Amino acid sequence: MTHEIFVPFWGEPELLYKTVESVLAQSDPDWRMIIIDDCYPDETVGQYFAELADPRVEYTRNEANLGITENYREAIRRASSPFITILGCDDLMHPEYLRVVKAAAARAPQADVIQPGVVVIDENGAEGLPLVDRVKQQMLAPRPVDGIAVLTGQEMATSLIRGDWLYWPSLTFRTQTLKEIDFRDGLPIIQDLALLMDIAFAGGTLVFVPEVVFSYRRHGSSASQKTLLDGRRFRDERAYYRQAVGLARGKGWGKTARTAQVRLMSRLHAITELPGVIRYGNRTGLQSTLAHIFAI
């Protein structure tokens, strides 16, 4: 079964090339990779792919800059295989990634989302486990039984709204699910969580296999860090958690609604970020962080 790997690109070309090399090194050769260049201002990127002698790799460049959400949507529009991965342009697949996610799909054919095990690396490729990832992996991720955890519907929604323990670029999705359930507009910072919750609300299934086959790159000065300092991150989180309460109540999912209303882990995250916001953020960022901690 051919597996399509989409790489929406805007970033550091050298990291992109490492990402491509990680796909080329897959032990399972049945894949197709499509790089969608969102008008990154470096002509050498196209030259790199023109010289890459592998017919499974396709490079395309948008006519105009779409932005990250629209570039994701472009990937989904182009998708034709049963399952796809929308890979970050600076992350790394380990050689056994495709073998593991394909085996998970075969074992749980109802899967809409597959999360394999992940190791975190910094901008230089060094492995580490920052506090946020210790919480994700050691406290929030479900405990597999016989090598796999399967969460469906309310169980999936409650798990994710308690604390999003997934790593978006490492996920494999059922293509038809992504074609039917779109990103929500107006939530650019947490669009991934909102989409995954909508999959859960639609009765979807999340499969977790803990075998580590992916390196997720967490940058010290990432765009997500900037959204914490200027208040956008927690503003969007509060807005979505309010939506999630209403959606869960509409489904009659009381546990999910209560978890979204309390949002304990999200509040604790804001507490851990507060010293950095006080030191490096602005007034709006501080107000947003305090509101996230104390607002009901």
Protein backbone atom coordinates (compact mmCIF):
# COMPACT_ATOMS: atom_id res chain seq x y z
CA MET A 1 0.00 0.00 0.00
CA THR A 2 1.64 3.23 -1.14
CA HIS A 3 1.81 5.84 1.59
CA GLU A 4 1.83 9.51 0.62
CA ILE A 5 4.04 11.84 2.65
CA PHE A 6 3.36 15.55 2.20
CA VAL A 7 5.93 18.12 3.32
CA PRO A 8 4.54 21.69 3.41
CA PHE A 9 7.71 23.76 3.23
CA TRP A 10 8.66 27.13 4.60
CA GLY A 11 11.84 27.16 6.64
CA GLU A 12 15.50 26.29 6.71
CA PRO A 13 16.47 24.40 3.52
CA GLU A 14 19.24 22.39 5.19
CA LEU A 15 16.74 21.01 7.71
CA LEU A 16 14.33 20.22 4.87
CA TYR A 17 17.04 18.19 3.14
CA LYS A 18 17.60 16.18 6.34
CA THR A 19 13.84 15.52 6.44
CA VAL A 20 13.92 14.29 2.85
CA GLU A 21 16.91 12.05 3.60
CA SER A 22 15.00 10.49 6.49
CA VAL A 23 12.18 9.53 4.12
CA LEU A 24 14.62 8.16 1.55
CA ALA A 25 16.01 5.90 4.29
CA GLN A 26 12.67 4.15 4.99
CA SER A 27 12.92 0.37 5.23
CA ASP A 28 9.53 0.16 3.49
CA PRO A 29 10.07 1.50 -0.05
CA ASP A 30 6.37 1.85 -0.95
CA TRP A 31 5.89 5.57 -0.48
CA ARG A 32 5.50 8.80 -2.41
CA MET A 33 6.70 12.18 -1.10
CA ILE A 34 5.30 15.53 -2.24
CA ILE A 35 7.05 18.72 -1.13
CA ILE A 36 4.81 21.81 -1.37
CA ASP A 37 7.03 24.90 -1.32
CA ASP A 38 5.00 27.86 -0.08
CA CYS A 39 7.12 30.38 -2.02
CA TYR A 40 10.15 30.21 0.26
CA PRO A 41 12.63 32.81 -1.11
CA ASP A 42 15.49 30.48 -1.99
CA GLU A 43 15.85 29.20 -5.56
CA THR A 44 18.38 26.55 -4.56
CA VAL A 45 15.57 24.48 -3.02
CA GLY A 46 14.10 23.74 -6.44
CA GLN A 47 17.56 22.93 -7.77
CA TYR A 48 18.10 20.39 -4.98
CA PHE A 49 14.99 18.47 -5.99
CA ALA A 50 15.75 18.75 -9.70
CA GLU A 51 18.99 16.90 -9.01
CA LEU A 52 17.43 14.30 -6.73
CA ALA A 53 17.16 11.12 -8.77
CA ASP A 54 14.20 9.39 -7.13
CA PRO A 55 10.89 9.20 -9.01
CA ARG A 56 8.98 8.83 -5.72
CA VAL A 57 9.85 12.44 -4.78
CA GLU A 58 7.81 15.29 -6.27
CA TYR A 59 8.57 18.98 -5.73
CA THR A 60 5.97 21.65 -6.39
CA ARG A 61 5.93 25.37 -5.63
CA ASN A 62 2.79 27.37 -4.96
CA GLU A 63 2.10 30.30 -7.27
CA ALA A 64 1.54 32.51 -4.21
CA ASN A 65 2.20 32.14 -0.50
CA LEU A 66 -0.77 30.35 1.08
CA GLY A 67 0.21 30.27 4.72
CA ILE A 68 0.49 27.17 6.86
CA THR A 69 -3.20 26.23 7.16
CA GLU A 70 -3.94 26.65 3.46
CA ASN A 71 -0.79 24.72 2.59
CA TYR A 72 -2.04 21.87 4.77
CA ARG A 73 -5.35 22.04 2.96
CA GLU A 74 -3.51 21.95 -0.36
CA ALA A 75 -1.77 18.76 0.74
CA ILE A 76 -5.10 17.18 1.68
CA ARG A 77 -6.65 18.20 -1.66
CA ARG A 78 -3.79 16.46 -3.50
CA ALA A 79 -3.91 13.29 -1.38
CA SER A 80 -5.00 10.07 -3.08
CA SER A 81 -3.59 7.23 -0.94
CA PRO A 82 -5.66 5.65 1.87
CA PHE A 83 -3.36 7.09 4.55
CA ILE A 84 -1.09 10.13 4.55
CA THR A 85 1.44 11.88 6.76
CA ILE A 86 1.83 15.67 6.72
CA LEU A 87 5.45 15.79 7.78
CA GLY A 88 7.12 18.84 9.29
CA CYS A 89 9.86 20.27 7.08
CA ASP A 90 12.43 19.98 9.88
CA ASP A 91 11.37 16.71 11.53
CA LEU A 92 12.78 13.23 10.93
CA MET A 93 11.24 9.86 10.21
CA HIS A 94 13.25 6.94 11.56
CA PRO A 95 13.82 4.09 9.07
CA GLU A 96 11.01 1.97 10.55
CA TYR A 97 8.34 4.71 10.63
CA LEU A 98 6.28 3.42 7.70
CA ARG A 99 6.55 -0.20 8.83
CA VAL A 100 5.20 0.72 12.27
CA VAL A 101 2.27 2.89 11.14
CA LYS A 102 1.26 0.43 8.41
CA ALA A 103 1.30 -2.40 10.95
CA ALA A 104 -0.86 -0.29 13.29
CA ALA A 105 -3.35 0.41 10.48
CA ALA A 106 -3.54 -3.31 9.73
CA ARG A 107 -4.04 -4.18 13.38
CA ALA A 108 -6.67 -1.46 13.94
CA PRO A 109 -8.36 -0.99 10.53
CA GLN A 110 -10.82 1.51 12.02
CA ALA A 111 -7.98 3.95 12.79
CA ASP A 112 -8.40 7.55 11.66
CA VAL A 113 -5.22 8.81 13.35
CA ILE A 114 -2.06 6.89 14.24
CA GLN A 115 0.51 8.26 16.71
CA PRO A 116 3.83 6.40 16.88
CA GLY A 117 6.45 6.87 19.56
CA VAL A 118 8.42 10.12 19.36
CA VAL A 119 11.77 11.40 20.58
CA VAL A 120 12.30 15.15 20.91
CA ILE A 121 15.33 16.87 19.39
CA ASP A 122 16.48 20.49 19.47
CA GLU A 123 17.50 22.74 16.57
CA ASN A 124 20.90 21.03 16.54
CA GLY A 125 19.54 17.50 16.54
CA ALA A 126 20.38 16.75 20.19
CA GLU A 127 17.83 14.62 22.05
CA GLY A 128 16.17 15.97 25.16
CA LEU A 129 12.92 15.87 27.10
CA PRO A 130 11.69 19.34 28.11
CA LEU A 131 9.04 19.60 30.81
CA VAL A 132 6.18 19.88 28.32
CA ASP A 133 7.26 16.63 26.68
CA ARG A 134 7.77 14.81 29.98
CA VAL A 135 4.17 15.67 30.81
CA LYS A 136 2.96 14.59 27.36
CA GLN A 137 4.76 11.28 27.33
CA GLN A 138 4.78 10.27 30.98
CA MET A 139 1.46 11.64 32.27
CA LEU A 140 -0.96 12.26 29.39
CA ALA A 141 -0.31 9.55 26.81
CA PRO A 142 -2.41 6.39 27.36
CA ARG A 143 -0.81 3.18 28.51
CA PRO A 144 -0.83 0.63 25.66
CA VAL A 145 -2.06 -2.90 26.19
CA ASP A 146 -0.19 -5.52 24.19
CA GLY A 147 1.74 -2.78 22.39
CA ILE A 148 -1.18 -0.60 21.31
CA ALA A 149 -3.77 1.83 22.70
CA VAL A 150 -7.03 2.48 20.86
CA LEU A 151 -9.23 5.46 21.79
CA THR A 152 -12.55 6.16 20.09
CA GLY A 153 -15.07 8.98 20.30
CA GLN A 154 -15.60 10.29 23.83
CA GLU A 155 -12.53 8.51 25.19
CA MET A 156 -10.36 10.10 22.49
CA ALA A 157 -11.89 13.55 23.02
CA THR A 158 -11.48 13.44 26.80
CA SER A 159 -7.88 12.30 26.52
CA LEU A 160 -6.92 15.09 24.13
CA ILE A 161 -8.82 17.91 25.86
CA ARG A 162 -7.21 16.92 29.17
CA GLY A 163 -3.88 17.65 27.48
CA ASP A 164 -2.82 17.35 23.86
CA TRP A 165 -0.14 14.67 24.03
CA LEU A 166 0.11 14.15 20.27
CA TYR A 167 2.86 15.37 17.93
CA TRP A 168 1.16 16.69 14.80
CA PRO A 169 3.98 16.20 12.24
CA SER A 170 4.42 12.57 13.29
CA LEU A 171 0.77 11.58 12.81
CA THR A 172 -0.56 9.36 10.06
CA PHE A 173 -4.16 10.09 9.02
CA ARG A 174 -6.85 8.28 7.14
CA THR A 175 -7.10 10.44 4.03
CA GLN A 176 -10.88 10.27 3.73
CA THR A 177 -11.24 11.54 7.29
CA LEU A 178 -9.17 14.63 6.49
CA LYS A 179 -11.16 15.25 3.33
CA GLU A 180 -14.39 15.17 5.33
CA ILE A 181 -13.28 17.10 8.45
CA ASP A 182 -11.63 20.45 7.77
CA PHE A 183 -9.54 22.77 9.92
CA ARG A 184 -11.55 25.30 11.92
CA ASP A 185 -10.96 28.89 10.86
CA GLY A 186 -9.92 31.48 13.44
CA LEU A 187 -7.76 29.16 15.56
CA PRO A 188 -4.35 29.25 13.84
CA ILE A 189 -2.33 28.49 16.96
CA ILE A 190 -4.20 25.33 17.98
CA GLN A 191 -5.70 24.26 14.67
CA ASP A 192 -4.25 20.77 15.11
CA LEU A 193 -6.01 20.13 18.43
CA ALA A 194 -9.30 21.50 17.09
CA LEU A 195 -9.15 19.20 14.06
CA LEU A 196 -8.30 16.16 16.16
CA MET A 197 -11.16 16.94 18.53
CA ASP A 198 -13.54 17.22 15.59
CA ILE A 199 -12.40 13.77 14.46
CA ALA A 200 -13.20 12.49 17.95
CA PHE A 201 -16.60 14.24 18.00
CA ALA A 202 -17.36 12.51 14.68
CA GLY A 203 -16.75 9.14 16.35
CA GLY A 204 -13.21 8.73 15.03
CA THR A 205 -10.49 6.47 16.37
CA LEU A 206 -6.97 7.30 17.56
CA VAL A 207 -4.33 4.56 17.72
CA PHE A 208 -1.11 4.94 19.74
CA VAL A 209 1.87 2.63 19.27
CA PRO A 210 4.79 3.56 21.56
CA GLU A 211 7.61 2.22 19.36
CA VAL A 212 9.86 5.25 18.78
CA VAL A 213 10.17 5.91 15.06
CA PHE A 214 10.09 9.72 14.79
CA SER A 215 12.18 12.71 15.86
CA TYR A 216 10.18 15.86 16.57
CA ARG A 217 12.24 19.04 16.42
CA ARG A 218 11.44 21.55 19.15
CA HIS A 219 13.15 24.90 18.57
CA GLY A 220 14.13 27.12 21.46
CA SER A 221 12.93 30.26 19.67
CA SER A 222 10.01 28.78 17.74
CA ALA A 223 6.95 30.61 16.47
CA SER A 224 4.86 28.80 19.10
CA GLN A 225 7.09 30.24 21.83
CA LYS A 226 6.46 33.75 20.49
CA THR A 227 2.71 33.18 20.68
CA LEU A 228 3.09 32.38 24.37
CA LEU A 229 4.92 35.64 25.02
CA ASP A 230 2.46 37.86 23.16
CA GLY A 231 -0.67 36.16 24.50
CA ARG A 232 -2.05 34.59 21.34
CA ARG A 233 -1.50 30.98 22.41
CA PHE A 234 -3.56 31.11 25.58
CA ARG A 235 -6.16 33.41 24.01
CA ASP A 236 -6.82 30.81 21.32
CA GLU A 237 -6.80 27.98 23.86
CA ARG A 238 -9.44 29.67 26.01
CA ALA A 239 -11.60 30.29 22.94
CA TYR A 240 -11.35 26.69 21.83
CA TYR A 241 -11.92 25.18 25.27
CA ARG A 242 -15.17 27.15 25.49
CA GLN A 243 -16.19 25.72 22.11
CA ALA A 244 -15.23 22.23 23.24
CA VAL A 245 -17.47 22.48 26.30
CA GLY A 246 -20.46 23.28 24.08
CA LEU A 247 -19.63 20.59 21.54
CA ALA A 248 -19.23 17.95 24.24
CA ARG A 249 -22.48 18.91 25.95
CA GLY A 250 -24.21 18.71 22.59
CA LYS A 251 -23.01 15.10 22.29
CA GLY A 252 -24.01 14.31 25.87
CA TRP A 253 -20.35 13.70 26.76
CA GLY A 254 -20.36 15.00 30.32
CA LYS A 255 -16.85 13.86 31.22
CA THR A 256 -15.38 15.57 28.16
CA ALA A 257 -17.30 18.78 28.90
CA ARG A 258 -16.15 18.84 32.54
CA THR A 259 -12.54 18.20 31.54
CA ALA A 260 -12.65 21.02 28.99
CA GLN A 261 -14.24 23.39 31.52
CA VAL A 262 -11.65 22.71 34.22
CA ARG A 263 -8.73 22.58 31.70
CA LEU A 264 -6.35 21.73 34.53
CA MET A 265 -3.30 20.80 32.46
CA SER A 266 -3.72 23.90 30.30
CA ARG A 267 -3.79 26.09 33.41
CA LEU A 268 -0.71 24.34 34.79
CA HIS A 269 1.04 24.95 31.48
CA ALA A 270 0.27 28.66 31.82
CA ILE A 271 1.71 28.65 35.34
CA THR A 272 4.98 27.10 34.13
CA GLU A 273 5.20 29.69 31.34
CA LEU A 274 4.40 32.67 33.59
CA PRO A 275 8.00 33.46 34.67
CA GLY A 276 9.14 33.58 31.03
CA VAL A 277 6.19 35.77 30.05
CA ILE A 278 6.96 38.16 32.92
CA ARG A 279 10.61 38.35 31.86
CA TYR A 280 10.36 38.35 28.06
CA GLY A 281 6.72 38.95 27.12
CA ASN A 282 4.63 42.07 26.75
CA ARG A 283 1.67 43.43 28.70
CA THR A 284 -0.86 41.63 26.50
CA GLY A 285 0.99 38.35 26.95
CA LEU A 286 1.00 38.73 30.73
CA GLN A 287 -2.70 39.59 30.85
CA SER A 288 -3.54 36.62 28.64
CA THR A 289 -1.48 34.22 30.74
CA LEU A 290 -3.02 35.41 34.01
CA ALA A 291 -6.50 35.18 32.52
CA HIS A 292 -5.78 31.63 31.41
CA ILE A 293 -4.69 30.64 34.89
CA PHE A 294 -7.55 32.24 36.84
CA ALA A 295 -10.54 32.66 34.51
CA ILE A 296 -13.44 30.27 34.99
